[in-house]
Amino acid sequence: MKVRSIVAMLVLFLGGAAFAQEDGIRWEDLSDGQRQVLGQLEDDWSTLSAERQMRLSRGAERWAGMSAEERAQSRDRFNAWRELSDERRQLIRERAQIFRDLPAEEQRRIRENFRNYRNMNRDRRQMLRDRYRRMTPEQRQRLRDRLKDRPRARHKGK
């Protein structure tokens, strides 16, 4: 009998937790920092979807933990995002999804190549951009294939 009671309580508790997640996050359950960041949404909070509430609460938590410099950089990136055309934002979203669907090793390789590119001096980057723009689609694909298959040098400390 005791085991049944415990199982029943667990089912109710876990079911209640799942139900609460479907209903979203109550405004009162947000931390003080999250409520401060999301203050302008307080009146509309209960009308937002559970998914949107979750994304906003996570974003507010990250924001509350940022330094002033990190917040300024984030504001700049957000403003630049808002200035993009709808078509450009959609293209970026699609490419981001393609990237997320790649295997972890491929993502790592792409990040490393991008880091190497960003660390080049401006003239070298411009030369590479110009050379890439002059390539035919077939040449571009061959380059991508060659870079993908190229053995990577091991860095010290790895």
N, C-alpha and C. Protein backbone atom coordinates (compact mmCIF):
# COMPACT_ATOMS: atom_id res chain seq x y z
N MET A 1 0.82 -1.19 0.00
CA MET A 1 0.00 0.00 0.00
C MET A 1 0.87 1.26 0.00
N LYS A 2 1.94 1.25 0.79
CA LYS A 2 2.84 2.40 0.85
C LYS A 2 3.45 2.69 -0.51
N VAL A 3 3.88 1.66 -1.22
CA VAL A 3 4.52 1.82 -2.52
C VAL A 3 3.55 2.46 -3.50
N ARG A 4 2.27 2.02 -3.47
CA ARG A 4 1.27 2.61 -4.36
C ARG A 4 1.08 4.10 -4.06
N SER A 5 1.08 4.45 -2.82
CA SER A 5 0.90 5.86 -2.44
C SER A 5 2.07 6.70 -2.95
N ILE A 6 3.27 6.15 -2.79
CA ILE A 6 4.45 6.88 -3.25
C ILE A 6 4.42 7.02 -4.77
N VAL A 7 4.07 5.94 -5.47
CA VAL A 7 3.98 5.99 -6.92
C VAL A 7 2.92 7.00 -7.35
N ALA A 8 1.77 6.99 -6.68
CA ALA A 8 0.70 7.93 -7.02
C ALA A 8 1.15 9.37 -6.80
N MET A 9 1.86 9.60 -5.70
CA MET A 9 2.34 10.95 -5.43
C MET A 9 3.36 11.39 -6.50
N LEU A 10 4.25 10.46 -6.89
CA LEU A 10 5.23 10.79 -7.92
C LEU A 10 4.55 11.11 -9.24
N VAL A 11 3.53 10.32 -9.60
CA VAL A 11 2.80 10.57 -10.85
C VAL A 11 2.13 11.94 -10.79
N LEU A 12 1.51 12.26 -9.66
CA LEU A 12 0.87 13.57 -9.52
C LEU A 12 1.90 14.69 -9.59
N PHE A 13 3.02 14.50 -8.89
CA PHE A 13 4.05 15.53 -8.88
C PHE A 13 4.63 15.73 -10.27
N LEU A 14 5.04 14.64 -10.91
CA LEU A 14 5.65 14.75 -12.24
C LEU A 14 4.63 15.23 -13.26
N GLY A 15 3.41 14.76 -13.16
CA GLY A 15 2.35 15.24 -14.05
C GLY A 15 2.09 16.72 -13.85
N GLY A 16 2.12 17.15 -12.59
CA GLY A 16 1.92 18.56 -12.30
C GLY A 16 3.04 19.41 -12.85
N ALA A 17 4.27 18.89 -12.77
CA ALA A 17 5.42 19.63 -13.32
C ALA A 17 5.30 19.75 -14.82
N ALA A 18 4.89 18.66 -15.49
CA ALA A 18 4.72 18.71 -16.94
C ALA A 18 3.61 19.67 -17.31
N PHE A 19 2.52 19.66 -16.53
CA PHE A 19 1.40 20.56 -16.79
C PHE A 19 1.84 22.01 -16.61
N ALA A 20 2.64 22.25 -15.58
CA ALA A 20 3.12 23.63 -15.33
C ALA A 20 3.98 24.10 -16.49
N GLN A 21 4.80 23.20 -17.06
CA GLN A 21 5.63 23.61 -18.18
C GLN A 21 4.79 23.94 -19.39
N GLU A 22 3.70 23.17 -19.61
CA GLU A 22 2.82 23.47 -20.74
C GLU A 22 2.15 24.82 -20.57
N ASP A 23 1.85 25.17 -19.32
CA ASP A 23 1.20 26.45 -19.05
C ASP A 23 2.16 27.61 -19.09
N GLY A 24 3.43 27.34 -19.11
CA GLY A 24 4.41 28.40 -19.14
C GLY A 24 4.92 28.73 -17.75
N ILE A 25 5.47 29.93 -17.63
CA ILE A 25 6.10 30.36 -16.39
C ILE A 25 5.28 31.51 -15.82
N ARG A 26 4.93 31.39 -14.57
CA ARG A 26 4.20 32.48 -13.93
C ARG A 26 5.15 33.65 -13.71
N TRP A 27 4.66 34.86 -13.86
CA TRP A 27 5.46 36.07 -13.66
C TRP A 27 6.11 36.05 -12.29
N GLU A 28 5.37 35.61 -11.29
CA GLU A 28 5.85 35.59 -9.92
C GLU A 28 7.00 34.60 -9.73
N ASP A 29 7.10 33.60 -10.61
CA ASP A 29 8.15 32.59 -10.50
C ASP A 29 9.47 33.03 -11.12
N LEU A 30 9.47 34.16 -11.83
CA LEU A 30 10.72 34.68 -12.39
C LEU A 30 11.57 35.26 -11.26
N SER A 31 12.87 35.25 -11.44
CA SER A 31 13.76 35.85 -10.45
C SER A 31 13.60 37.37 -10.51
N ASP A 32 14.09 38.04 -9.48
CA ASP A 32 14.02 39.51 -9.46
C ASP A 32 14.74 40.10 -10.68
N GLY A 33 15.91 39.52 -11.02
CA GLY A 33 16.67 40.00 -12.17
C GLY A 33 15.90 39.81 -13.47
N GLN A 34 15.25 38.67 -13.62
CA GLN A 34 14.47 38.41 -14.84
C GLN A 34 13.29 39.38 -14.92
N ARG A 35 12.60 39.60 -13.80
CA ARG A 35 11.45 40.53 -13.81
C ARG A 35 11.91 41.94 -14.14
N GLN A 36 13.08 42.32 -13.66
CA GLN A 36 13.59 43.66 -13.95
C GLN A 36 13.85 43.81 -15.45
N VAL A 37 14.50 42.81 -16.04
CA VAL A 37 14.81 42.86 -17.47
C VAL A 37 13.54 42.83 -18.31
N LEU A 38 12.57 42.02 -17.91
CA LEU A 38 11.35 41.81 -18.69
C LEU A 38 10.19 42.69 -18.24
N GLY A 39 10.47 43.68 -17.42
CA GLY A 39 9.44 44.51 -16.80
C GLY A 39 8.36 45.02 -17.75
N GLN A 40 8.74 45.43 -18.94
CA GLN A 40 7.75 45.98 -19.87
C GLN A 40 6.76 44.93 -20.37
N LEU A 41 7.06 43.66 -20.14
CA LEU A 41 6.18 42.58 -20.59
C LEU A 41 5.24 42.08 -19.50
N GLU A 42 5.35 42.64 -18.31
CA GLU A 42 4.58 42.12 -17.17
C GLU A 42 3.09 42.02 -17.47
N ASP A 43 2.49 43.06 -18.01
CA ASP A 43 1.05 43.06 -18.26
C ASP A 43 0.64 42.02 -19.30
N ASP A 44 1.53 41.72 -20.25
CA ASP A 44 1.20 40.78 -21.32
C ASP A 44 1.78 39.39 -21.10
N TRP A 45 2.52 39.19 -20.01
CA TRP A 45 3.26 37.95 -19.79
C TRP A 45 2.36 36.72 -19.90
N SER A 46 1.20 36.75 -19.28
CA SER A 46 0.33 35.56 -19.26
C SER A 46 -0.25 35.24 -20.64
N THR A 47 -0.20 36.19 -21.57
CA THR A 47 -0.74 35.93 -22.91
C THR A 47 0.31 35.35 -23.85
N LEU A 48 1.58 35.34 -23.44
CA LEU A 48 2.65 34.79 -24.27
C LEU A 48 2.62 33.27 -24.22
N SER A 49 3.05 32.63 -25.30
CA SER A 49 3.11 31.18 -25.32
C SER A 49 4.16 30.70 -24.32
N ALA A 50 3.99 29.47 -23.86
CA ALA A 50 4.94 28.89 -22.91
C ALA A 50 6.35 28.88 -23.50
N GLU A 51 6.45 28.56 -24.78
CA GLU A 51 7.76 28.53 -25.44
C GLU A 51 8.40 29.91 -25.43
N ARG A 52 7.62 30.93 -25.74
CA ARG A 52 8.14 32.30 -25.76
C ARG A 52 8.56 32.73 -24.36
N GLN A 53 7.75 32.39 -23.36
CA GLN A 53 8.10 32.72 -21.98
C GLN A 53 9.43 32.07 -21.59
N MET A 54 9.61 30.83 -22.00
CA MET A 54 10.84 30.11 -21.66
C MET A 54 12.04 30.79 -22.32
N ARG A 55 11.91 31.12 -23.61
CA ARG A 55 13.02 31.78 -24.31
C ARG A 55 13.33 33.13 -23.68
N LEU A 56 12.29 33.90 -23.37
CA LEU A 56 12.51 35.21 -22.78
C LEU A 56 13.14 35.11 -21.39
N SER A 57 12.68 34.14 -20.60
CA SER A 57 13.23 34.01 -19.25
C SER A 57 14.70 33.60 -19.30
N ARG A 58 15.05 32.70 -20.23
CA ARG A 58 16.47 32.31 -20.38
C ARG A 58 17.30 33.50 -20.85
N GLY A 59 16.77 34.26 -21.81
CA GLY A 59 17.49 35.43 -22.29
C GLY A 59 17.67 36.47 -21.20
N ALA A 60 16.64 36.67 -20.40
CA ALA A 60 16.72 37.64 -19.30
C ALA A 60 17.75 37.20 -18.26
N GLU A 61 17.83 35.90 -18.03
CA GLU A 61 18.82 35.37 -17.08
C GLU A 61 20.23 35.62 -17.60
N ARG A 62 20.44 35.38 -18.91
CA ARG A 62 21.76 35.65 -19.50
C ARG A 62 22.08 37.14 -19.41
N TRP A 63 21.10 37.99 -19.74
CA TRP A 63 21.29 39.43 -19.71
C TRP A 63 21.68 39.90 -18.32
N ALA A 64 21.00 39.38 -17.31
CA ALA A 64 21.27 39.79 -15.93
C ALA A 64 22.69 39.42 -15.51
N GLY A 65 23.26 38.38 -16.13
CA GLY A 65 24.60 37.95 -15.78
C GLY A 65 25.71 38.59 -16.60
N MET A 66 25.35 39.47 -17.54
CA MET A 66 26.35 40.09 -18.42
C MET A 66 26.98 41.32 -17.78
N SER A 67 28.21 41.58 -18.20
CA SER A 67 28.87 42.82 -17.80
C SER A 67 28.31 43.96 -18.66
N ALA A 68 28.62 45.19 -18.30
CA ALA A 68 28.16 46.35 -19.06
C ALA A 68 28.67 46.29 -20.50
N GLU A 69 29.92 45.85 -20.68
CA GLU A 69 30.49 45.76 -22.02
C GLU A 69 29.77 44.69 -22.85
N GLU A 70 29.49 43.55 -22.23
CA GLU A 70 28.78 42.49 -22.93
C GLU A 70 27.37 42.94 -23.32
N ARG A 71 26.73 43.69 -22.45
CA ARG A 71 25.39 44.20 -22.76
C ARG A 71 25.43 45.18 -23.94
N ALA A 72 26.44 46.04 -23.96
CA ALA A 72 26.58 47.00 -25.06
C ALA A 72 26.80 46.26 -26.38
N GLN A 73 27.64 45.24 -26.36
CA GLN A 73 27.87 44.44 -27.57
C GLN A 73 26.58 43.74 -28.01
N SER A 74 25.85 43.23 -27.06
CA SER A 74 24.59 42.53 -27.37
C SER A 74 23.58 43.51 -27.98
N ARG A 75 23.49 44.71 -27.41
CA ARG A 75 22.59 45.74 -27.97
C ARG A 75 22.97 46.07 -29.41
N ASP A 76 24.27 46.21 -29.65
CA ASP A 76 24.74 46.52 -31.01
C ASP A 76 24.36 45.42 -31.99
N ARG A 77 24.57 44.16 -31.57
CA ARG A 77 24.21 43.03 -32.44
C ARG A 77 22.71 43.00 -32.70
N PHE A 78 21.92 43.26 -31.65
CA PHE A 78 20.46 43.24 -31.82
C PHE A 78 20.01 44.36 -32.75
N ASN A 79 20.57 45.54 -32.60
CA ASN A 79 20.21 46.65 -33.49
C ASN A 79 20.59 46.35 -34.93
N ALA A 80 21.77 45.74 -35.12
CA ALA A 80 22.18 45.37 -36.48
C ALA A 80 21.21 44.33 -37.05
N TRP A 81 20.77 43.39 -36.23
CA TRP A 81 19.80 42.36 -36.66
C TRP A 81 18.49 43.01 -37.10
N ARG A 82 18.01 43.95 -36.30
CA ARG A 82 16.73 44.61 -36.62
C ARG A 82 16.80 45.40 -37.91
N GLU A 83 17.99 45.89 -38.26
CA GLU A 83 18.14 46.68 -39.48
C GLU A 83 18.19 45.83 -40.74
N LEU A 84 18.38 44.52 -40.59
CA LEU A 84 18.42 43.63 -41.75
C LEU A 84 17.02 43.50 -42.36
N SER A 85 16.98 43.22 -43.65
CA SER A 85 15.70 42.97 -44.30
C SER A 85 15.14 41.63 -43.81
N ASP A 86 13.83 41.46 -43.95
CA ASP A 86 13.20 40.20 -43.56
C ASP A 86 13.82 39.02 -44.32
N GLU A 87 14.12 39.24 -45.61
CA GLU A 87 14.70 38.17 -46.42
C GLU A 87 16.09 37.78 -45.90
N ARG A 88 16.88 38.77 -45.54
CA ARG A 88 18.23 38.50 -45.04
C ARG A 88 18.17 37.76 -43.70
N ARG A 89 17.26 38.19 -42.81
CA ARG A 89 17.11 37.49 -41.53
C ARG A 89 16.67 36.05 -41.73
N GLN A 90 15.77 35.82 -42.69
CA GLN A 90 15.31 34.46 -42.96
C GLN A 90 16.46 33.60 -43.49
N LEU A 91 17.26 34.17 -44.37
CA LEU A 91 18.42 33.44 -44.90
C LEU A 91 19.38 33.06 -43.77
N ILE A 92 19.61 33.98 -42.86
CA ILE A 92 20.50 33.71 -41.72
C ILE A 92 19.92 32.61 -40.84
N ARG A 93 18.62 32.66 -40.59
CA ARG A 93 17.97 31.61 -39.79
C ARG A 93 18.12 30.25 -40.45
N GLU A 94 17.92 30.20 -41.77
CA GLU A 94 18.05 28.93 -42.49
C GLU A 94 19.48 28.40 -42.42
N ARG A 95 20.44 29.27 -42.61
CA ARG A 95 21.84 28.84 -42.56
C ARG A 95 22.23 28.40 -41.15
N ALA A 96 21.68 29.09 -40.14
CA ALA A 96 21.96 28.70 -38.76
C ALA A 96 21.39 27.31 -38.49
N GLN A 97 20.22 27.02 -39.02
CA GLN A 97 19.63 25.70 -38.82
C GLN A 97 20.47 24.63 -39.53
N ILE A 98 20.94 24.93 -40.73
CA ILE A 98 21.81 23.98 -41.45
C ILE A 98 23.05 23.71 -40.61
N PHE A 99 23.64 24.76 -40.03
CA PHE A 99 24.83 24.61 -39.20
C PHE A 99 24.52 23.75 -37.98
N ARG A 100 23.39 24.01 -37.30
CA ARG A 100 23.02 23.22 -36.12
C ARG A 100 22.80 21.74 -36.46
N ASP A 101 22.40 21.47 -37.69
CA ASP A 101 22.16 20.09 -38.11
C ASP A 101 23.45 19.34 -38.47
N LEU A 102 24.56 20.05 -38.59
CA LEU A 102 25.84 19.42 -38.93
C LEU A 102 26.37 18.62 -37.74
N PRO A 103 27.17 17.61 -38.01
CA PRO A 103 27.83 16.88 -36.90
C PRO A 103 28.74 17.83 -36.11
N ALA A 104 28.94 17.50 -34.85
CA ALA A 104 29.74 18.36 -33.96
C ALA A 104 31.14 18.62 -34.52
N GLU A 105 31.76 17.61 -35.11
CA GLU A 105 33.12 17.78 -35.64
C GLU A 105 33.13 18.78 -36.80
N GLU A 106 32.11 18.73 -37.63
CA GLU A 106 32.02 19.67 -38.75
C GLU A 106 31.79 21.09 -38.23
N GLN A 107 30.95 21.24 -37.21
CA GLN A 107 30.74 22.55 -36.60
C GLN A 107 32.05 23.10 -36.03
N ARG A 108 32.81 22.23 -35.36
CA ARG A 108 34.08 22.64 -34.78
C ARG A 108 35.03 23.13 -35.87
N ARG A 109 35.08 22.38 -36.98
CA ARG A 109 35.96 22.74 -38.09
C ARG A 109 35.58 24.10 -38.67
N ILE A 110 34.30 24.33 -38.84
CA ILE A 110 33.83 25.61 -39.39
C ILE A 110 34.16 26.75 -38.43
N ARG A 111 33.94 26.54 -37.14
CA ARG A 111 34.28 27.58 -36.16
C ARG A 111 35.77 27.90 -36.18
N GLU A 112 36.58 26.85 -36.28
CA GLU A 112 38.03 27.05 -36.31
C GLU A 112 38.45 27.83 -37.56
N ASN A 113 37.90 27.46 -38.71
CA ASN A 113 38.22 28.19 -39.94
C ASN A 113 37.80 29.65 -39.83
N PHE A 114 36.64 29.90 -39.25
CA PHE A 114 36.17 31.28 -39.11
C PHE A 114 37.09 32.06 -38.16
N ARG A 115 37.50 31.41 -37.07
CA ARG A 115 38.42 32.07 -36.13
C ARG A 115 39.72 32.41 -36.83
N ASN A 116 40.24 31.47 -37.61
CA ASN A 116 41.48 31.74 -38.35
C ASN A 116 41.31 32.90 -39.31
N TYR A 117 40.18 32.93 -39.99
CA TYR A 117 39.89 34.02 -40.93
C TYR A 117 39.83 35.37 -40.20
N ARG A 118 39.14 35.40 -39.06
CA ARG A 118 39.00 36.65 -38.30
C ARG A 118 40.34 37.13 -37.76
N ASN A 119 41.28 36.21 -37.54
CA ASN A 119 42.59 36.59 -37.01
C ASN A 119 43.55 37.07 -38.08
N MET A 120 43.18 36.94 -39.35
CA MET A 120 44.03 37.43 -40.43
C MET A 120 43.98 38.95 -40.46
N ASN A 121 45.03 39.55 -41.03
CA ASN A 121 44.98 41.00 -41.17
C ASN A 121 43.96 41.37 -42.26
N ARG A 122 43.52 42.59 -42.23
CA ARG A 122 42.44 43.07 -43.10
C ARG A 122 42.76 42.87 -44.59
N ASP A 123 43.99 43.16 -45.00
CA ASP A 123 44.36 43.02 -46.41
C ASP A 123 44.26 41.57 -46.87
N ARG A 124 44.73 40.65 -46.04
CA ARG A 124 44.68 39.22 -46.38
C ARG A 124 43.22 38.76 -46.50
N ARG A 125 42.37 39.20 -45.57
CA ARG A 125 40.94 38.83 -45.65
C ARG A 125 40.31 39.35 -46.93
N GLN A 126 40.62 40.59 -47.27
CA GLN A 126 40.05 41.18 -48.49
C GLN A 126 40.53 40.43 -49.72
N MET A 127 41.79 40.05 -49.75
CA MET A 127 42.33 39.29 -50.88
C MET A 127 41.59 37.96 -51.03
N LEU A 128 41.37 37.27 -49.92
CA LEU A 128 40.64 35.99 -49.96
C LEU A 128 39.20 36.18 -50.43
N ARG A 129 38.53 37.23 -49.93
CA ARG A 129 37.14 37.52 -50.36
C ARG A 129 37.09 37.77 -51.86
N ASP A 130 38.01 38.59 -52.36
CA ASP A 130 38.03 38.91 -53.79
C ASP A 130 38.28 37.66 -54.63
N ARG A 131 39.24 36.84 -54.19
CA ARG A 131 39.55 35.62 -54.93
C ARG A 131 38.34 34.68 -54.93
N TYR A 132 37.65 34.56 -53.81
CA TYR A 132 36.48 33.68 -53.72
C TYR A 132 35.36 34.18 -54.63
N ARG A 133 35.15 35.49 -54.66
CA ARG A 133 34.09 36.07 -55.51
C ARG A 133 34.34 35.81 -57.00
N ARG A 134 35.60 35.74 -57.38
CA ARG A 134 35.94 35.51 -58.79
C ARG A 134 35.81 34.04 -59.20
N MET A 135 35.67 33.15 -58.23
CA MET A 135 35.59 31.72 -58.54
C MET A 135 34.22 31.36 -59.14
N THR A 136 34.25 30.33 -59.96
CA THR A 136 32.99 29.77 -60.47
C THR A 136 32.37 28.92 -59.35
N PRO A 137 31.08 28.61 -59.45
CA PRO A 137 30.47 27.74 -58.43
C PRO A 137 31.20 26.40 -58.29
N GLU A 138 31.67 25.85 -59.39
CA GLU A 138 32.39 24.58 -59.33
C GLU A 138 33.71 24.73 -58.58
N GLN A 139 34.43 25.83 -58.84
CA GLN A 139 35.69 26.07 -58.14
C GLN A 139 35.43 26.25 -56.63
N ARG A 140 34.36 26.94 -56.30
CA ARG A 140 34.02 27.14 -54.89
C ARG A 140 33.75 25.81 -54.22
N GLN A 141 33.02 24.93 -54.89
CA GLN A 141 32.71 23.63 -54.31
C GLN A 141 33.97 22.80 -54.12
N ARG A 142 34.86 22.82 -55.10
CA ARG A 142 36.13 22.09 -54.97
C ARG A 142 36.94 22.60 -53.79
N LEU A 143 36.95 23.92 -53.61
CA LEU A 143 37.66 24.51 -52.48
C LEU A 143 37.04 24.03 -51.16
N ARG A 144 35.72 24.07 -51.06
CA ARG A 144 35.06 23.61 -49.84
C ARG A 144 35.39 22.15 -49.57
N ASP A 145 35.35 21.33 -50.62
CA ASP A 145 35.67 19.90 -50.46
C ASP A 145 37.11 19.70 -50.01
N ARG A 146 38.02 20.46 -50.59
CA ARG A 146 39.44 20.34 -50.24
C ARG A 146 39.66 20.77 -48.78
N LEU A 147 39.02 21.84 -48.36
CA LEU A 147 39.16 22.30 -46.98
C LEU A 147 38.56 21.31 -46.00
N LYS A 148 37.47 20.70 -46.41
CA LYS A 148 36.79 19.73 -45.54
C LYS A 148 37.67 18.50 -45.32
N ASP A 149 38.34 18.05 -46.36
CA ASP A 149 39.14 16.82 -46.29
C ASP A 149 40.56 17.04 -45.80
N ARG A 150 40.95 18.29 -45.65
CA ARG A 150 42.33 18.61 -45.27
C ARG A 150 42.60 18.18 -43.83
N PRO A 151 43.72 17.49 -43.60
CA PRO A 151 44.05 17.11 -42.21
C PRO A 151 44.37 18.39 -41.42
N ARG A 152 43.92 18.41 -40.21
CA ARG A 152 44.10 19.59 -39.36
C ARG A 152 45.34 19.42 -38.49
N ALA A 153 46.11 20.51 -38.37
CA ALA A 153 47.28 20.49 -37.49
C ALA A 153 46.79 20.46 -36.04
N ARG A 154 47.45 19.71 -35.22
CA ARG A 154 47.11 19.66 -33.79
C ARG A 154 47.76 20.85 -33.11
N HIS A 155 46.99 21.55 -32.29
CA HIS A 155 47.53 22.69 -31.56
C HIS A 155 48.06 22.22 -30.23
N LYS A 156 49.07 22.92 -29.75
CA LYS A 156 49.64 22.60 -28.44
C LYS A 156 48.56 22.78 -27.39
N GLY A 157 48.56 21.89 -26.43
CA GLY A 157 47.61 22.00 -25.33
C GLY A 157 46.31 21.29 -25.62
N LYS A 158 46.18 20.67 -26.81
CA LYS A 158 44.94 19.96 -27.13
C LYS A 158 45.15 18.49 -27.05
